[in-house]
Amino acid sequence: MRRIILSFVGLVFSALMSSGAHALIINTLNSPINFVISQNEGGGVVLTASGSLSITGGFNSSSLTLHVVLNNTSTLNGVPLTAASNVRLTGWGFGINPNATSVTFSDASDGGIIDATLDSLPGLAAIEVCAWGGNNCSGGANGGIQAGSSDTFDLILAGSWGNSVTFDPLGVKFQTDFGSFEFACTGACGGGGDVTVAEPKTLMLLGVGLIALAALGRRKSG
């Protein structure tokens, strides 16, 4: 019985950690919120996209300007990779609430990311807006942000925008000489930004599990 309750508490705790734990909420103009999206692919390779998001165009409008700084900070055995590794960040995107009805890409530089569309990344259906550096969101060609490099661009999002915008999840696509990889942010990918918390139902379930575990301990010691 104790093992069952412990398993239950573990499952609820996992739900608590994953329930919106990686959503980024922007409700202040010109205030960058950092993010890191990373995954260990084995052999010492850790594919990582890092950067920041900020809104520069104002809320309560039909057009929202999202300023994006996007870096390919992938490593091999803890050492930053360079362009010679041919580890390219070819796609980056997010789910968004409220929903965007269209997206226009604007890039003052010419590095890496070249366009954006309302689309998902391969295998990441929750992504609604995708910025890409290949042929499209699915990749292809030889474009993207090489390891050790970065790109800065704006996404002009059409929709009905209130006082805040939630980005959840954040996802990436990497193309390398040893394969193609798509994954979304897990855990708290924000760095210094607002992070959503678990829903009340999840907190209630966790409380029930802990109370049951405490009661079982008292019964055994009585």
Protein backbone atom coordinates (compact mmCIF):
# COMPACT_ATOMS: atom_id res chain seq x y z
CA MET A 1 0.00 0.00 0.00
CA ARG A 2 2.82 2.38 0.89
CA ARG A 3 4.47 1.70 -2.46
CA ILE A 4 1.21 2.48 -4.29
CA ILE A 5 0.81 5.77 -2.44
CA LEU A 6 4.42 6.72 -3.10
CA SER A 7 3.92 5.98 -6.79
CA PHE A 8 0.76 8.07 -6.75
CA VAL A 9 2.54 10.98 -5.12
CA GLY A 10 5.37 10.67 -7.65
CA LEU A 11 2.95 10.80 -10.57
CA VAL A 12 1.13 13.81 -9.14
CA PHE A 13 4.42 15.57 -8.45
CA SER A 14 5.41 14.99 -12.08
CA ALA A 15 2.12 16.50 -13.15
CA LEU A 16 2.74 19.41 -10.83
CA MET A 17 6.12 20.07 -12.37
CA SER A 18 4.89 19.74 -15.95
CA SER A 19 1.61 21.61 -15.65
CA GLY A 20 2.57 24.89 -17.27
CA ALA A 21 5.97 24.88 -15.58
CA HIS A 22 7.64 25.91 -18.82
CA ALA A 23 5.17 28.55 -19.99
CA LEU A 24 6.61 32.02 -20.44
CA ILE A 25 4.30 34.96 -19.79
CA ILE A 26 5.14 38.42 -21.11
CA ASN A 27 3.12 41.28 -19.66
CA THR A 28 5.66 44.12 -19.72
CA LEU A 29 6.97 46.01 -22.74
CA ASN A 30 10.65 45.93 -23.68
CA SER A 31 11.54 43.58 -20.82
CA PRO A 32 13.42 40.53 -22.19
CA ILE A 33 12.60 37.09 -20.80
CA ASN A 34 15.34 34.52 -21.24
CA PHE A 35 14.87 30.89 -22.29
CA VAL A 36 16.97 27.76 -22.76
CA ILE A 37 15.81 24.70 -24.75
CA SER A 38 18.27 21.84 -24.40
CA GLN A 39 18.52 18.09 -24.90
CA ASN A 40 21.33 15.56 -24.41
CA GLU A 41 21.68 13.50 -27.60
CA GLY A 42 24.40 11.15 -26.30
CA GLY A 43 28.07 10.92 -27.16
CA GLY A 44 28.68 14.10 -25.19
CA VAL A 45 26.54 16.20 -27.57
CA VAL A 46 24.03 18.59 -25.97
CA LEU A 47 21.90 20.48 -28.47
CA THR A 48 20.88 23.85 -27.02
CA ALA A 49 18.97 26.90 -28.22
CA SER A 50 19.03 29.90 -25.91
CA GLY A 51 17.95 33.49 -26.18
CA SER A 52 15.32 35.97 -25.14
CA LEU A 53 11.83 37.22 -26.01
CA SER A 54 10.46 40.71 -25.58
CA ILE A 55 7.42 42.58 -26.82
CA THR A 56 8.16 45.98 -28.32
CA GLY A 57 4.96 46.89 -30.14
CA GLY A 58 2.45 47.40 -27.35
CA PHE A 59 -0.48 45.45 -25.95
CA ASN A 60 -4.24 45.86 -26.47
CA SER A 61 -3.89 45.98 -30.24
CA SER A 62 -4.37 43.83 -33.33
CA SER A 63 -0.62 43.70 -34.04
CA LEU A 64 2.07 42.57 -31.63
CA THR A 65 5.82 42.79 -32.29
CA LEU A 66 7.87 40.00 -30.72
CA HIS A 67 11.61 40.66 -30.65
CA VAL A 68 13.62 37.42 -30.64
CA VAL A 69 17.29 36.80 -29.88
CA LEU A 70 18.14 33.21 -30.78
CA ASN A 71 21.49 31.50 -30.15
CA ASN A 72 22.82 28.06 -31.03
CA THR A 73 24.83 27.26 -27.91
CA SER A 74 25.24 23.51 -28.46
CA THR A 75 28.21 21.76 -26.85
CA LEU A 76 30.34 18.63 -27.12
CA ASN A 77 31.63 17.32 -23.79
CA GLY A 78 30.90 20.71 -22.28
CA VAL A 79 32.88 22.62 -24.92
CA PRO A 80 30.96 25.04 -27.19
CA LEU A 81 30.63 23.74 -30.75
CA THR A 82 31.55 25.88 -33.77
CA ALA A 83 30.31 26.12 -37.35
CA ALA A 84 32.77 23.39 -38.34
CA SER A 85 30.60 20.85 -36.50
CA ASN A 86 27.66 21.45 -38.89
CA VAL A 87 25.18 21.50 -36.03
CA ARG A 88 22.48 23.87 -37.30
CA LEU A 89 19.45 25.27 -35.52
CA THR A 90 17.02 25.25 -38.46
CA GLY A 91 13.69 25.80 -36.72
CA TRP A 92 12.32 27.47 -33.60
CA GLY A 93 8.75 28.08 -32.56
CA PHE A 94 6.12 28.30 -29.88
CA GLY A 95 2.53 27.80 -28.91
CA ILE A 96 0.81 31.07 -28.11
CA ASN A 97 -2.22 32.27 -26.17
CA PRO A 98 -4.14 34.29 -27.36
CA ASN A 99 -3.79 32.70 -30.79
CA ALA A 100 -2.06 34.46 -33.64
CA THR A 101 -3.98 34.76 -36.92
CA SER A 102 -0.93 35.58 -39.06
CA VAL A 103 2.79 36.21 -38.71
CA THR A 104 5.16 38.50 -40.63
CA PHE A 105 8.90 37.99 -40.44
CA SER A 106 11.30 40.94 -40.16
CA ASP A 107 15.08 40.54 -39.96
CA ALA A 108 17.53 43.43 -39.93
CA SER A 109 20.45 41.02 -40.35
CA ASP A 110 20.76 38.03 -42.64
CA GLY A 111 21.87 35.37 -40.23
CA GLY A 112 20.31 31.97 -39.88
CA ILE A 113 16.55 32.37 -39.63
CA ILE A 114 14.96 33.64 -42.84
CA ASP A 115 11.17 33.40 -42.50
CA ALA A 116 8.25 32.42 -40.27
CA THR A 117 4.82 30.87 -40.79
CA LEU A 118 1.82 29.63 -38.81
CA ASP A 119 2.88 26.01 -38.71
CA SER A 120 4.22 23.31 -36.41
CA LEU A 121 7.67 21.80 -36.20
CA PRO A 122 7.94 18.10 -37.15
CA GLY A 123 6.60 15.96 -34.31
CA LEU A 124 5.68 19.03 -32.22
CA ALA A 125 2.01 19.63 -32.97
CA ALA A 126 1.63 22.13 -30.10
CA ILE A 127 3.91 24.61 -31.91
CA GLU A 128 1.73 27.23 -33.63
CA VAL A 129 4.26 29.77 -34.91
CA CYS A 130 7.44 28.51 -36.55
CA ALA A 131 10.51 30.54 -37.58
CA TRP A 132 12.84 28.63 -39.91
CA GLY A 133 16.17 28.79 -41.68
CA GLY A 134 15.86 25.96 -44.22
CA ASN A 135 13.19 25.42 -46.87
CA ASN A 136 10.33 25.53 -44.34
CA CYS A 137 9.48 24.38 -40.80
CA SER A 138 10.40 20.81 -41.72
CA GLY A 139 13.98 21.85 -42.51
CA GLY A 140 15.90 21.01 -45.66
CA ALA A 141 18.62 23.03 -47.43
CA ASN A 142 21.75 24.10 -45.57
CA GLY A 143 20.39 27.11 -43.71
CA GLY A 144 19.86 27.79 -40.05
CA ILE A 145 21.97 29.12 -37.21
CA GLN A 146 25.32 27.36 -36.98
CA ALA A 147 26.68 26.32 -33.59
CA GLY A 148 28.40 29.24 -31.93
CA SER A 149 26.31 31.79 -33.84
CA SER A 150 23.12 33.76 -33.21
CA ASP A 151 20.37 35.66 -35.01
CA THR A 152 18.06 38.51 -34.06
CA PHE A 153 14.68 39.05 -35.70
CA ASP A 154 11.14 40.31 -35.15
CA LEU A 155 7.84 38.50 -35.56
CA ILE A 156 4.83 40.73 -36.16
CA LEU A 157 1.85 38.75 -34.89
CA ALA A 158 -1.73 39.58 -35.86
CA GLY A 159 -4.54 38.74 -33.44
CA SER A 160 -6.55 40.14 -30.55
CA TRP A 161 -4.01 40.95 -27.86
CA GLY A 162 -4.82 41.85 -24.28
CA ASN A 163 -2.44 42.73 -21.43
CA SER A 164 -0.30 39.58 -21.56
CA VAL A 165 0.82 36.81 -23.88
CA THR A 166 1.67 33.22 -22.92
CA PHE A 167 4.25 31.22 -24.87
CA ASP A 168 3.99 27.47 -24.26
CA PRO A 169 5.67 25.28 -25.34
CA LEU A 170 8.89 26.44 -26.97
CA GLY A 171 10.33 24.01 -29.49
CA VAL A 172 13.33 23.62 -31.80
CA LYS A 173 14.60 21.64 -34.77
CA PHE A 174 18.30 20.86 -35.22
CA GLN A 175 19.90 19.36 -38.31
CA THR A 176 23.31 17.75 -37.95
CA ASP A 177 25.63 15.33 -39.73
CA PHE A 178 24.43 12.62 -37.34
CA GLY A 179 20.68 13.18 -37.63
CA SER A 180 17.75 15.53 -37.29
CA PHE A 181 16.29 16.33 -33.86
CA GLU A 182 13.09 18.07 -32.73
CA PHE A 183 12.21 18.66 -29.08
CA ALA A 184 10.31 21.07 -26.88
CA CYS A 185 11.26 22.87 -23.70
CA THR A 186 10.76 20.70 -20.63
CA GLY A 187 10.92 21.89 -17.04
CA ALA A 188 11.40 25.58 -16.32
CA CYS A 189 12.99 26.88 -19.53
CA GLY A 190 12.58 30.50 -18.51
CA GLY A 191 15.42 32.46 -17.02
CA GLY A 192 14.16 35.35 -14.93
CA GLY A 193 10.74 35.54 -16.53
CA ASP A 194 7.25 34.84 -15.23
CA VAL A 195 6.54 31.12 -15.00
CA THR A 196 3.06 29.70 -14.67
CA VAL A 197 2.17 27.47 -11.74
CA ALA A 198 0.18 24.26 -11.43
CA GLU A 199 -3.59 24.30 -11.63
CA PRO A 200 -5.51 24.06 -8.31
CA LYS A 201 -6.68 20.51 -9.13
CA THR A 202 -3.09 19.34 -9.41
CA LEU A 203 -2.18 20.92 -6.09
CA MET A 204 -5.22 19.31 -4.47
CA LEU A 205 -4.21 15.84 -5.74
CA LEU A 206 -0.71 16.30 -4.40
CA GLY A 207 -2.12 17.32 -1.02
CA VAL A 208 -4.37 14.23 -0.91
CA GLY A 209 -1.43 11.98 -1.70
CA LEU A 210 0.77 13.48 1.00
CA ILE A 211 -2.04 13.26 3.60
CA ALA A 212 -2.59 9.58 2.73
CA LEU A 213 1.11 8.88 3.05
CA ALA A 214 1.25 10.60 6.45
CA ALA A 215 -1.78 8.65 7.66
CA LEU A 216 -0.17 5.37 6.62
CA GLY A 217 2.97 6.27 8.54
CA ARG A 218 1.00 7.03 11.70
CA ARG A 219 -0.89 3.74 11.44
CA LYS A 220 2.33 1.73 11.14
CA SER A 221 3.92 3.50 14.10
CA GLY A 222 0.79 3.20 16.29
